[in-house]
Structures are given as C-alpha cells and as structure tokens.
Amino acid sequence: MKKWFWILAIATVIFAIYYDVSRGTLPVADSSPETAGETVEVTETHFDHTVDVEIEAGQTLLSIVEQLHDEGMPMDMAAIENDFQYLNDGQSPEQLNEGQMYTFPLYES
C-alpha cells in the first residue's frame, strides 16, 4: 500500500510541475486583450504638451513616463504605447536606441 501511495504522490507532483511550467498558474498581465485577427481602430490624438527626451542606457518607455509624471502612471500602458508610437512615426517602444531623441506625451492629471 505504501508503494502505491508514493507512486501516486510522485505522479501528482510531476503533473503539478508540468502544468505549472506549460500553462502557468499565475495570471499574465496582458495590456492588450485583443484576439488574433481583431483590428484596432486608430484615432487621431492631439497632444497639447510633449517633451523630447534623449534615451540613456537602461531607460524604458515605462521608466521615462514615470519620471515625467510624479504621481505615477497617468494612463494604462497600452494607451501610453499607442501615444508614443503616434508621436514617433510608428517607432516601437520596445526598441528604443540609446542616444536617440524621442517625443513623449505629457498627460494632465
């Protein structure tokens, strides 16, 4: 009986590890709830205030927006990414180049 108990316990642990690694048990923070094939409507945005920032080593879109806004994130990340791409001719925020100047929107709180 002990032998079957240990086999069942080991099989349960192996299955739990497999399930956790393959599918995960924690929710993934996804900023875009879009499904494949769904189109996103692009609306023209007008910004009253923008600032040009030269990118330094280690800076990201999130870190720069947080530096520009003392009270934290003014909008959701998807909207900030869309605004950044609009102001920078479609430049991907994931591919910022050190030493380059980019335009960032200033949001009113």
PDB file of N, CA and C in Angstrom:
ATOM      1  N   MET A   1       0.816  -1.190   0.000  1.00  0.00           N
ATOM      2  CA  MET A   1       0.000   0.000   0.000  1.00  0.00           C
ATOM      3  C   MET A   1       0.865   1.262   0.000  1.00  0.00           C
ATOM      4  N   LYS A   2       1.970   1.237   0.780  1.00  0.00           N
ATOM      5  CA  LYS A   2       2.858   2.393   0.823  1.00  0.00           C
ATOM      6  C   LYS A   2       3.457   2.663  -0.551  1.00  0.00           C
ATOM      7  N   LYS A   3       3.771   1.601  -1.262  1.00  0.00           N
ATOM      8  CA  LYS A   3       4.373   1.750  -2.584  1.00  0.00           C
ATOM      9  C   LYS A   3       3.422   2.507  -3.514  1.00  0.00           C
ATOM     10  N   TRP A   4       2.149   2.168  -3.516  1.00  0.00           N
ATOM     11  CA  TRP A   4       1.168   2.844  -4.376  1.00  0.00           C
ATOM     12  C   TRP A   4       0.965   4.297  -3.949  1.00  0.00           C
ATOM     13  N   PHE A   5       0.997   4.542  -2.658  1.00  0.00           N
ATOM     14  CA  PHE A   5       0.864   5.914  -2.169  1.00  0.00           C
ATOM     15  C   PHE A   5       2.010   6.780  -2.693  1.00  0.00           C
ATOM     16  N   TRP A   6       3.237   6.296  -2.605  1.00  0.00           N
ATOM     17  CA  TRP A   6       4.392   7.072  -3.069  1.00  0.00           C
ATOM     18  C   TRP A   6       4.372   7.252  -4.588  1.00  0.00           C
ATOM     19  N   ILE A   7       3.954   6.256  -5.327  1.00  0.00           N
ATOM     20  CA  ILE A   7       3.845   6.383  -6.783  1.00  0.00           C
ATOM     21  C   ILE A   7       2.813   7.444  -7.134  1.00  0.00           C
ATOM     22  N   LEU A   8       1.674   7.424  -6.466  1.00  0.00           N
ATOM     23  CA  LEU A   8       0.629   8.419  -6.707  1.00  0.00           C
ATOM     24  C   LEU A   8       1.099   9.822  -6.306  1.00  0.00           C
ATOM     25  N   ALA A   9       1.795   9.940  -5.193  1.00  0.00           N
ATOM     26  CA  ALA A   9       2.295  11.243  -4.741  1.00  0.00           C
ATOM     27  C   ALA A   9       3.320  11.805  -5.725  1.00  0.00           C
ATOM     28  N   ILE A  10       4.237  10.987  -6.193  1.00  0.00           N
ATOM     29  CA  ILE A  10       5.253  11.438  -7.147  1.00  0.00           C
ATOM     30  C   ILE A  10       4.605  11.809  -8.474  1.00  0.00           C
ATOM     31  N   ALA A  11       3.638  11.016  -8.927  1.00  0.00           N
ATOM     32  CA  ALA A  11       2.938  11.335 -10.178  1.00  0.00           C
ATOM     33  C   ALA A  11       2.192  12.663 -10.056  1.00  0.00           C
ATOM     34  N   THR A  12       1.591  12.928  -8.907  1.00  0.00           N
ATOM     35  CA  THR A  12       0.879  14.191  -8.689  1.00  0.00           C
ATOM     36  C   THR A  12       1.842  15.370  -8.717  1.00  0.00           C
ATOM     37  N   VAL A  13       2.983  15.229  -8.085  1.00  0.00           N
ATOM     38  CA  VAL A  13       3.983  16.301  -8.078  1.00  0.00           C
ATOM     39  C   VAL A  13       4.506  16.549  -9.489  1.00  0.00           C
ATOM     40  N   ILE A  14       4.793  15.499 -10.231  1.00  0.00           N
ATOM     41  CA  ILE A  14       5.283  15.653 -11.607  1.00  0.00           C
ATOM     42  C   ILE A  14       4.231  16.336 -12.469  1.00  0.00           C
ATOM     43  N   PHE A  15       2.960  15.938 -12.328  1.00  0.00           N
ATOM     44  CA  PHE A  15       1.899  16.580 -13.100  1.00  0.00           C
ATOM     45  C   PHE A  15       1.762  18.055 -12.719  1.00  0.00           C
ATOM     46  N   ALA A  16       1.853  18.377 -11.441  1.00  0.00           N
ATOM     47  CA  ALA A  16       1.735  19.774 -10.997  1.00  0.00           C
ATOM     48  C   ALA A  16       2.868  20.621 -11.563  1.00  0.00           C
ATOM     49  N   ILE A  17       4.074  20.090 -11.574  1.00  0.00           N
ATOM     50  CA  ILE A  17       5.215  20.821 -12.140  1.00  0.00           C
ATOM     51  C   ILE A  17       5.027  21.004 -13.638  1.00  0.00           C
ATOM     52  N   TYR A  18       4.614  19.957 -14.329  1.00  0.00           N
ATOM     53  CA  TYR A  18       4.372  20.049 -15.773  1.00  0.00           C
ATOM     54  C   TYR A  18       3.298  21.098 -16.078  1.00  0.00           C
ATOM     55  N   TYR A  19       2.199  21.072 -15.351  1.00  0.00           N
ATOM     56  CA  TYR A  19       1.106  22.018 -15.582  1.00  0.00           C
ATOM     57  C   TYR A  19       1.572  23.450 -15.318  1.00  0.00           C
ATOM     58  N   ASP A  20       2.320  23.660 -14.258  1.00  0.00           N
ATOM     59  CA  ASP A  20       2.794  25.000 -13.911  1.00  0.00           C
ATOM     60  C   ASP A  20       3.757  25.541 -14.960  1.00  0.00           C
ATOM     61  N   VAL A  21       4.635  24.694 -15.466  1.00  0.00           N
ATOM     62  CA  VAL A  21       5.612  25.137 -16.460  1.00  0.00           C
ATOM     63  C   VAL A  21       4.961  25.359 -17.823  1.00  0.00           C
ATOM     64  N   SER A  22       4.043  24.488 -18.209  1.00  0.00           N
ATOM     65  CA  SER A  22       3.465  24.597 -19.549  1.00  0.00           C
ATOM     66  C   SER A  22       2.355  25.636 -19.642  1.00  0.00           C
ATOM     67  N   ARG A  23       1.490  25.726 -18.668  1.00  0.00           N
ATOM     68  CA  ARG A  23       0.357  26.655 -18.736  1.00  0.00           C
ATOM     69  C   ARG A  23       0.440  27.761 -17.713  1.00  0.00           C
ATOM     70  N   GLY A  24       1.086  27.520 -16.625  1.00  0.00           N
ATOM     71  CA  GLY A  24       1.205  28.518 -15.578  1.00  0.00           C
ATOM     72  C   GLY A  24      -0.029  28.563 -14.694  1.00  0.00           C
ATOM     73  N   THR A  25       0.180  29.065 -13.492  1.00  0.00           N
ATOM     74  CA  THR A  25      -0.933  29.182 -12.561  1.00  0.00           C
ATOM     75  C   THR A  25      -1.204  30.626 -12.191  1.00  0.00           C
ATOM     76  N   LEU A  26      -0.303  31.529 -12.548  1.00  0.00           N
ATOM     77  CA  LEU A  26      -0.498  32.941 -12.258  1.00  0.00           C
ATOM     78  C   LEU A  26      -1.053  33.642 -13.483  1.00  0.00           C
ATOM     79  N   PRO A  27      -1.944  34.604 -13.285  1.00  0.00           N
ATOM     80  CA  PRO A  27      -2.466  35.340 -14.443  1.00  0.00           C
ATOM     81  C   PRO A  27      -1.379  36.208 -15.058  1.00  0.00           C
ATOM     82  N   VAL A  28      -1.383  36.286 -16.369  1.00  0.00           N
ATOM     83  CA  VAL A  28      -0.401  37.085 -17.088  1.00  0.00           C
ATOM     84  C   VAL A  28      -0.968  38.483 -17.273  1.00  0.00           C
ATOM     85  N   ALA A  29      -0.185  39.497 -16.922  1.00  0.00           N
ATOM     86  CA  ALA A  29      -0.620  40.880 -17.107  1.00  0.00           C
ATOM     87  C   ALA A  29      -0.478  41.226 -18.575  1.00  0.00           C
ATOM     88  N   ASP A  30      -1.576  41.210 -19.292  1.00  0.00           N
ATOM     89  CA  ASP A  30      -1.565  41.490 -20.717  1.00  0.00           C
ATOM     90  C   ASP A  30      -2.258  42.815 -20.944  1.00  0.00           C
ATOM     91  N   SER A  31      -1.524  43.757 -21.509  1.00  0.00           N
ATOM     92  CA  SER A  31      -2.090  45.089 -21.693  1.00  0.00           C
ATOM     93  C   SER A  31      -3.013  45.174 -22.890  1.00  0.00           C
ATOM     94  N   SER A  32      -2.978  44.181 -23.762  1.00  0.00           N
ATOM     95  CA  SER A  32      -3.839  44.229 -24.942  1.00  0.00           C
ATOM     96  C   SER A  32      -4.725  42.990 -24.986  1.00  0.00           C
ATOM     97  N   PRO A  33      -6.007  43.124 -24.639  1.00  0.00           N
ATOM     98  CA  PRO A  33      -6.898  41.975 -24.620  1.00  0.00           C
ATOM     99  C   PRO A  33      -7.433  41.611 -25.995  1.00  0.00           C
ATOM    100  N   GLU A  34      -6.708  41.956 -27.043  1.00  0.00           N
ATOM    101  CA  GLU A  34      -7.149  41.700 -28.403  1.00  0.00           C
ATOM    102  C   GLU A  34      -6.945  40.235 -28.756  1.00  0.00           C
ATOM    103  N   THR A  35      -7.791  39.731 -29.611  1.00  0.00           N
ATOM    104  CA  THR A  35      -7.624  38.374 -30.107  1.00  0.00           C
ATOM    105  C   THR A  35      -7.016  38.441 -31.494  1.00  0.00           C
ATOM    106  N   ALA A  36      -6.497  37.322 -31.942  1.00  0.00           N
ATOM    107  CA  ALA A  36      -5.875  37.286 -33.263  1.00  0.00           C
ATOM    108  C   ALA A  36      -6.911  37.611 -34.325  1.00  0.00           C
ATOM    109  N   GLY A  37      -6.540  38.443 -35.261  1.00  0.00           N
ATOM    110  CA  GLY A  37      -7.438  38.802 -36.340  1.00  0.00           C
ATOM    111  C   GLY A  37      -8.308  40.005 -36.039  1.00  0.00           C
ATOM    112  N   GLU A  38      -8.312  40.460 -34.812  1.00  0.00           N
ATOM    113  CA  GLU A  38      -9.129  41.614 -34.449  1.00  0.00           C
ATOM    114  C   GLU A  38      -8.392  42.888 -34.850  1.00  0.00           C
ATOM    115  N   THR A  39      -9.091  43.814 -35.441  1.00  0.00           N
ATOM    116  CA  THR A  39      -8.455  45.056 -35.853  1.00  0.00           C
ATOM    117  C   THR A  39      -8.642  46.107 -34.778  1.00  0.00           C
ATOM    118  N   VAL A  40      -7.669  46.973 -34.686  1.00  0.00           N
ATOM    119  CA  VAL A  40      -7.704  48.046 -33.704  1.00  0.00           C
ATOM    120  C   VAL A  40      -7.932  49.347 -34.447  1.00  0.00           C
ATOM    121  N   GLU A  41      -8.894  50.117 -33.986  1.00  0.00           N
ATOM    122  CA  GLU A  41      -9.186  51.393 -34.618  1.00  0.00           C
ATOM    123  C   GLU A  41      -8.202  52.440 -34.103  1.00  0.00           C
ATOM    124  N   VAL A  42      -7.536  53.096 -35.016  1.00  0.00           N
ATOM    125  CA  VAL A  42      -6.576  54.126 -34.655  1.00  0.00           C
ATOM    126  C   VAL A  42      -7.272  55.473 -34.753  1.00  0.00           C
ATOM    127  N   THR A  43      -7.222  56.199 -33.657  1.00  0.00           N
ATOM    128  CA  THR A  43      -7.842  57.518 -33.657  1.00  0.00           C
ATOM    129  C   THR A  43      -6.756  58.573 -33.586  1.00  0.00           C
ATOM    130  N   GLU A  44      -7.001  59.681 -34.227  1.00  0.00           N
ATOM    131  CA  GLU A  44      -6.033  60.772 -34.180  1.00  0.00           C
ATOM    132  C   GLU A  44      -6.044  61.376 -32.787  1.00  0.00           C
ATOM    133  N   THR A  45      -4.886  61.630 -32.288  1.00  0.00           N
ATOM    134  CA  THR A  45      -4.753  62.199 -30.964  1.00  0.00           C
ATOM    135  C   THR A  45      -3.990  63.501 -31.076  1.00  0.00           C
ATOM    136  N   HIS A  46      -4.418  64.467 -30.313  1.00  0.00           N
ATOM    137  CA  HIS A  46      -3.744  65.753 -30.299  1.00  0.00           C
ATOM    138  C   HIS A  46      -3.173  65.950 -28.893  1.00  0.00           C
ATOM    139  N   PHE A  47      -1.910  66.278 -28.851  1.00  0.00           N
ATOM    140  CA  PHE A  47      -1.255  66.485 -27.570  1.00  0.00           C
ATOM    141  C   PHE A  47      -0.905  67.954 -27.423  1.00  0.00           C
ATOM    142  N   ASP A  48      -1.361  68.553 -26.330  1.00  0.00           N
ATOM    143  CA  ASP A  48      -1.037  69.948 -26.059  1.00  0.00           C
ATOM    144  C   ASP A  48       0.397  70.088 -25.565  1.00  0.00           C
ATOM    145  N   HIS A  49       0.848  69.097 -24.800  1.00  0.00           N
ATOM    146  CA  HIS A  49       2.179  69.182 -24.209  1.00  0.00           C
ATOM    147  C   HIS A  49       2.957  67.899 -24.494  1.00  0.00           C
ATOM    148  N   THR A  50       4.147  68.073 -25.045  1.00  0.00           N
ATOM    149  CA  THR A  50       5.056  66.952 -25.262  1.00  0.00           C
ATOM    150  C   THR A  50       6.442  67.390 -24.828  1.00  0.00           C
ATOM    151  N   VAL A  51       7.320  66.427 -24.651  1.00  0.00           N
ATOM    152  CA  VAL A  51       8.697  66.726 -24.284  1.00  0.00           C
ATOM    153  C   VAL A  51       9.607  65.763 -25.044  1.00  0.00           C
ATOM    154  N   ASP A  52      10.740  66.275 -25.515  1.00  0.00           N
ATOM    155  CA  ASP A  52      11.738  65.444 -26.184  1.00  0.00           C
ATOM    156  C   ASP A  52      12.740  64.961 -25.143  1.00  0.00           C
ATOM    157  N   VAL A  53      13.016  63.662 -25.162  1.00  0.00           N
ATOM    158  CA  VAL A  53      13.921  63.060 -24.187  1.00  0.00           C
ATOM    159  C   VAL A  53      14.978  62.273 -24.936  1.00  0.00           C
ATOM    160  N   GLU A  54      16.242  62.453 -24.529  1.00  0.00           N
ATOM    161  CA  GLU A  54      17.330  61.641 -25.078  1.00  0.00           C
ATOM    162  C   GLU A  54      17.448  60.382 -24.228  1.00  0.00           C
ATOM    163  N   ILE A  55      17.426  59.237 -24.881  1.00  0.00           N
ATOM    164  CA  ILE A  55      17.430  57.956 -24.186  1.00  0.00           C
ATOM    165  C   ILE A  55      18.829  57.659 -23.654  1.00  0.00           C
ATOM    166  N   GLU A  56      18.870  57.274 -22.369  1.00  0.00           N
ATOM    167  CA  GLU A  56      20.118  56.855 -21.737  1.00  0.00           C
ATOM    168  C   GLU A  56      20.071  55.347 -21.521  1.00  0.00           C
ATOM    169  N   ALA A  57      21.201  54.763 -21.222  1.00  0.00           N
ATOM    170  CA  ALA A  57      21.294  53.313 -21.038  1.00  0.00           C
ATOM    171  C   ALA A  57      20.330  52.849 -19.950  1.00  0.00           C
ATOM    172  N   GLY A  58      19.589  51.801 -20.241  1.00  0.00           N
ATOM    173  CA  GLY A  58      18.693  51.201 -19.263  1.00  0.00           C
ATOM    174  C   GLY A  58      17.315  51.823 -19.168  1.00  0.00           C
ATOM    175  N   GLN A  59      17.062  52.893 -19.888  1.00  0.00           N
ATOM    176  CA  GLN A  59      15.751  53.527 -19.816  1.00  0.00           C
ATOM    177  C   GLN A  59      14.745  52.797 -20.699  1.00  0.00           C
ATOM    178  N   THR A  60      13.522  52.763 -20.238  1.00  0.00           N
ATOM    179  CA  THR A  60      12.422  52.173 -20.993  1.00  0.00           C
ATOM    180  C   THR A  60      11.294  53.189 -21.083  1.00  0.00           C
ATOM    181  N   LEU A  61      10.311  52.881 -21.895  1.00  0.00           N
ATOM    182  CA  LEU A  61       9.147  53.754 -22.011  1.00  0.00           C
ATOM    183  C   LEU A  61       8.504  53.950 -20.643  1.00  0.00           C
ATOM    184  N   LEU A  62       8.341  52.877 -19.905  1.00  0.00           N
ATOM    185  CA  LEU A  62       7.717  52.946 -18.590  1.00  0.00           C
ATOM    186  C   LEU A  62       8.521  53.814 -17.625  1.00  0.00           C
ATOM    187  N   SER A  63       9.836  53.623 -17.578  1.00  0.00           N
ATOM    188  CA  SER A  63      10.647  54.398 -16.635  1.00  0.00           C
ATOM    189  C   SER A  63      10.636  55.883 -16.971  1.00  0.00           C
ATOM    190  N   ILE A  64      10.637  56.224 -18.247  1.00  0.00           N
ATOM    191  CA  ILE A  64      10.627  57.638 -18.640  1.00  0.00           C
ATOM    192  C   ILE A  64       9.279  58.273 -18.316  1.00  0.00           C
ATOM    193  N   VAL A  65       8.181  57.574 -18.616  1.00  0.00           N
ATOM    194  CA  VAL A  65       6.852  58.118 -18.314  1.00  0.00           C
ATOM    195  C   VAL A  65       6.692  58.313 -16.809  1.00  0.00           C
ATOM    196  N   GLU A  66       7.199  57.382 -16.009  1.00  0.00           N
ATOM    197  CA  GLU A  66       7.118  57.536 -14.555  1.00  0.00           C
ATOM    198  C   GLU A  66       7.956  58.719 -14.077  1.00  0.00           C
ATOM    199  N   GLN A  67       9.103  58.976 -14.709  1.00  0.00           N
ATOM    200  CA  GLN A  67       9.923  60.135 -14.340  1.00  0.00           C
ATOM    201  C   GLN A  67       9.232  61.440 -14.704  1.00  0.00           C
ATOM    202  N   LEU A  68       8.531  61.461 -15.818  1.00  0.00           N
ATOM    203  CA  LEU A  68       7.865  62.682 -16.268  1.00  0.00           C
ATOM    204  C   LEU A  68       6.606  62.993 -15.466  1.00  0.00           C
ATOM    205  N   HIS A  69       6.013  61.988 -14.848  1.00  0.00           N
ATOM    206  CA  HIS A  69       4.773  62.166 -14.092  1.00  0.00           C
ATOM    207  C   HIS A  69       5.014  61.721 -12.655  1.00  0.00           C
ATOM    208  N   ASP A  70       5.104  62.675 -11.756  1.00  0.00           N
ATOM    209  CA  ASP A  70       5.417  62.381 -10.357  1.00  0.00           C
ATOM    210  C   ASP A  70       4.377  61.497  -9.679  1.00  0.00           C
ATOM    211  N   GLU A  71       3.126  61.616 -10.090  1.00  0.00           N
ATOM    212  CA  GLU A  71       2.067  60.864  -9.422  1.00  0.00           C
ATOM    213  C   GLU A  71       1.901  59.449  -9.965  1.00  0.00           C
ATOM    214  N   GLY A  72       2.824  58.958 -10.764  1.00  0.00           N
ATOM    215  CA  GLY A  72       2.764  57.584 -11.263  1.00  0.00           C
ATOM    216  C   GLY A  72       2.211  57.502 -12.669  1.00  0.00           C
ATOM    217  N   MET A  73       1.702  56.338 -13.010  1.00  0.00           N
ATOM    218  CA  MET A  73       1.191  56.082 -14.353  1.00  0.00           C
ATOM    219  C   MET A  73      -0.117  56.836 -14.573  1.00  0.00           C
ATOM    220  N   PRO A  74      -0.144  57.777 -15.511  1.00  0.00           N
ATOM    221  CA  PRO A  74      -1.352  58.563 -15.740  1.00  0.00           C
ATOM    222  C   PRO A  74      -2.418  57.820 -16.545  1.00  0.00           C
ATOM    223  N   MET A  75      -2.030  56.808 -17.305  1.00  0.00           N
ATOM    224  CA  MET A  75      -2.961  56.064 -18.163  1.00  0.00           C
ATOM    225  C   MET A  75      -2.520  54.609 -18.177  1.00  0.00           C
ATOM    226  N   ASP A  76      -3.307  53.767 -18.835  1.00  0.00           N
ATOM    227  CA  ASP A  76      -2.896  52.376 -18.944  1.00  0.00           C
ATOM    228  C   ASP A  76      -1.759  52.257 -19.964  1.00  0.00           C
ATOM    229  N   MET A  77      -0.978  51.208 -19.832  1.00  0.00           N
ATOM    230  CA  MET A  77       0.240  51.043 -20.628  1.00  0.00           C
ATOM    231  C   MET A  77      -0.046  50.971 -22.122  1.00  0.00           C
ATOM    232  N   ALA A  78      -1.142  50.350 -22.528  1.00  0.00           N
ATOM    233  CA  ALA A  78      -1.462  50.241 -23.956  1.00  0.00           C
ATOM    234  C   ALA A  78      -1.688  51.618 -24.571  1.00  0.00           C
ATOM    235  N   ALA A  79      -2.372  52.497 -23.859  1.00  0.00           N
ATOM    236  CA  ALA A  79      -2.618  53.853 -24.369  1.00  0.00           C
ATOM    237  C   ALA A  79      -1.318  54.640 -24.457  1.00  0.00           C
ATOM    238  N   ILE A  80      -0.446  54.472 -23.481  1.00  0.00           N
ATOM    239  CA  ILE A  80       0.842  55.172 -23.500  1.00  0.00           C
ATOM    240  C   ILE A  80       1.680  54.691 -24.676  1.00  0.00           C
ATOM    241  N   GLU A  81       1.704  53.379 -24.926  1.00  0.00           N
ATOM    242  CA  GLU A  81       2.450  52.841 -26.068  1.00  0.00           C
ATOM    243  C   GLU A  81       1.900  53.382 -27.386  1.00  0.00           C
ATOM    244  N   ASN A  82       0.576  53.416 -27.510  1.00  0.00           N
ATOM    245  CA  ASN A  82      -0.036  53.939 -28.738  1.00  0.00           C
ATOM    246  C   ASN A  82       0.300  55.411 -28.945  1.00  0.00           C
ATOM    247  N   ASP A  83       0.243  56.206 -27.876  1.00  0.00           N
ATOM    248  CA  ASP A  83       0.573  57.627 -27.980  1.00  0.00           C
ATOM    249  C   ASP A  83       2.037  57.820 -28.364  1.00  0.00           C
ATOM    250  N   PHE A  84       2.921  57.010 -27.778  1.00  0.00           N
ATOM    251  CA  PHE A  84       4.346  57.102 -28.098  1.00  0.00           C
ATOM    252  C   PHE A  84       4.579  56.790 -29.574  1.00  0.00           C
ATOM    253  N   GLN A  85       3.957  55.729 -30.067  1.00  0.00           N
ATOM    254  CA  GLN A  85       4.124  55.369 -31.474  1.00  0.00           C
ATOM    255  C   GLN A  85       3.566  56.448 -32.389  1.00  0.00           C
ATOM    256  N   TYR A  86       2.463  57.059 -32.012  1.00  0.00           N
ATOM    257  CA  TYR A  86       1.870  58.131 -32.814  1.00  0.00           C
ATOM    258  C   TYR A  86       2.819  59.324 -32.901  1.00  0.00           C
ATOM    259  N   LEU A  87       3.430  59.691 -31.790  1.00  0.00           N
ATOM    260  CA  LEU A  87       4.313  60.859 -31.764  1.00  0.00           C
ATOM    261  C   LEU A  87       5.668  60.595 -32.409  1.00  0.00           C
ATOM    262  N   ASN A  88       6.054  59.340 -32.535  1.00  0.00           N
ATOM    263  CA  ASN A  88       7.385  58.997 -33.042  1.00  0.00           C
ATOM    264  C   ASN A  88       7.319  58.181 -34.328  1.00  0.00           C
ATOM    265  N   ASP A  89       6.363  58.477 -35.171  1.00  0.00           N
ATOM    266  CA  ASP A  89       6.241  57.874 -36.503  1.00  0.00           C
ATOM    267  C   ASP A  89       6.280  56.348 -36.482  1.00  0.00           C
ATOM    268  N   GLY A  90       5.549  55.742 -35.549  1.00  0.00           N
ATOM    269  CA  GLY A  90       5.430  54.292 -35.513  1.00  0.00           C
ATOM    270  C   GLY A  90       6.581  53.566 -34.852  1.00  0.00           C
ATOM    271  N   GLN A  91       7.508  54.281 -34.237  1.00  0.00           N
ATOM    272  CA  GLN A  91       8.649  53.655 -33.561  1.00  0.00           C
ATOM    273  C   GLN A  91       8.151  52.756 -32.429  1.00  0.00           C
ATOM    274  N   SER A  92       8.630  51.530 -32.394  1.00  0.00           N
ATOM    275  CA  SER A  92       8.240  50.599 -31.343  1.00  0.00           C
ATOM    276  C   SER A  92       8.887  51.002 -30.021  1.00  0.00           C
ATOM    277  N   PRO A  93       8.113  51.077 -28.935  1.00  0.00           N
ATOM    278  CA  PRO A  93       8.697  51.449 -27.646  1.00  0.00           C
ATOM    279  C   PRO A  93       9.631  50.377 -27.088  1.00  0.00           C
ATOM    280  N   GLU A  94       9.567  49.164 -27.623  1.00  0.00           N
ATOM    281  CA  GLU A  94      10.464  48.104 -27.167  1.00  0.00           C
ATOM    282  C   GLU A  94      11.859  48.234 -27.779  1.00  0.00           C
ATOM    283  N   GLN A  95      12.006  49.089 -28.789  1.00  0.00           N
ATOM    284  CA  GLN A  95      13.286  49.203 -29.485  1.00  0.00           C
ATOM    285  C   GLN A  95      13.833  50.626 -29.410  1.00  0.00           C
ATOM    286  N   LEU A  96      13.909  51.167 -28.201  1.00  0.00           N
ATOM    287  CA  LEU A  96      14.479  52.500 -28.022  1.00  0.00           C
ATOM    288  C   LEU A  96      15.995  52.408 -28.145  1.00  0.00           C
ATOM    289  N   ASN A  97      16.584  53.356 -28.860  1.00  0.00           N
ATOM    290  CA  ASN A  97      18.026  53.362 -29.072  1.00  0.00           C
ATOM    291  C   ASN A  97      18.682  54.401 -28.177  1.00  0.00           C
ATOM    292  N   GLU A  98      19.718  53.977 -27.487  1.00  0.00           N
ATOM    293  CA  GLU A  98      20.454  54.869 -26.602  1.00  0.00           C
ATOM    294  C   GLU A  98      21.035  56.031 -27.409  1.00  0.00           C
ATOM    295  N   GLY A  99      20.884  57.247 -26.880  1.00  0.00           N
ATOM    296  CA  GLY A  99      21.408  58.436 -27.534  1.00  0.00           C
ATOM    297  C   GLY A  99      20.437  59.089 -28.503  1.00  0.00           C
ATOM    298  N   GLN A 100      19.339  58.425 -28.833  1.00  0.00           N
ATOM    299  CA  GLN A 100      18.332  58.969 -29.741  1.00  0.00           C
ATOM    300  C   GLN A 100      17.362  59.860 -28.966  1.00  0.00           C
ATOM    301  N   MET A 101      16.788  60.839 -29.668  1.00  0.00           N
ATOM    302  CA  MET A 101      15.766  61.710 -29.088  1.00  0.00           C
ATOM    303  C   MET A 101      14.393  61.175 -29.490  1.00  0.00           C
ATOM    304  N   TYR A 102      13.488  61.066 -28.527  1.00  0.00           N
ATOM    305  CA  TYR A 102      12.120  60.642 -28.773  1.00  0.00           C
ATOM    306  C   TYR A 102      11.171  61.632 -28.114  1.00  0.00           C
ATOM    307  N   THR A 103       9.983  61.759 -28.681  1.00  0.00           N
ATOM    308  CA  THR A 103       8.969  62.654 -28.142  1.00  0.00           C
ATOM    309  C   THR A 103       8.020  61.859 -27.255  1.00  0.00           C
ATOM    310  N   PHE A 104       7.786  62.363 -26.044  1.00  0.00           N
ATOM    311  CA  PHE A 104       6.899  61.721 -25.083  1.00  0.00           C
ATOM    312  C   PHE A 104       5.745  62.658 -24.757  1.00  0.00           C
ATOM    313  N   PRO A 105       4.535  62.117 -24.643  1.00  0.00           N
ATOM    314  CA  PRO A 105       3.395  62.963 -24.286  1.00  0.00           C
ATOM    315  C   PRO A 105       3.399  63.266 -22.789  1.00  0.00           C
ATOM    316  N   LEU A 106       2.954  64.458 -22.445  1.00  0.00           N
ATOM    317  CA  LEU A 106       2.761  64.817 -21.046  1.00  0.00           C
ATOM    318  C   LEU A 106       1.260  64.795 -20.789  1.00  0.00           C
ATOM    319  N   TYR A 107       0.847  63.989 -19.838  1.00  0.00           N
ATOM    320  CA  TYR A 107      -0.568  63.845 -19.525  1.00  0.00           C
ATOM    321  C   TYR A 107      -0.923  64.735 -18.346  1.00  0.00           C
ATOM    322  N   GLU A 108      -2.111  65.330 -18.421  1.00  0.00           N
ATOM    323  CA  GLU A 108      -2.596  66.152 -17.317  1.00  0.00           C
ATOM    324  C   GLU A 108      -3.313  65.255 -16.330  1.00  0.00           C
ATOM    325  N   SER A 109      -3.148  65.574 -15.044  1.00  0.00           N
ATOM    326  CA  SER A 109      -3.811  64.745 -14.032  1.00  0.00           C
ATOM    327  C   SER A 109      -5.031  65.416 -13.469  1.00  0.00           C
TER     328      SER A 109
END
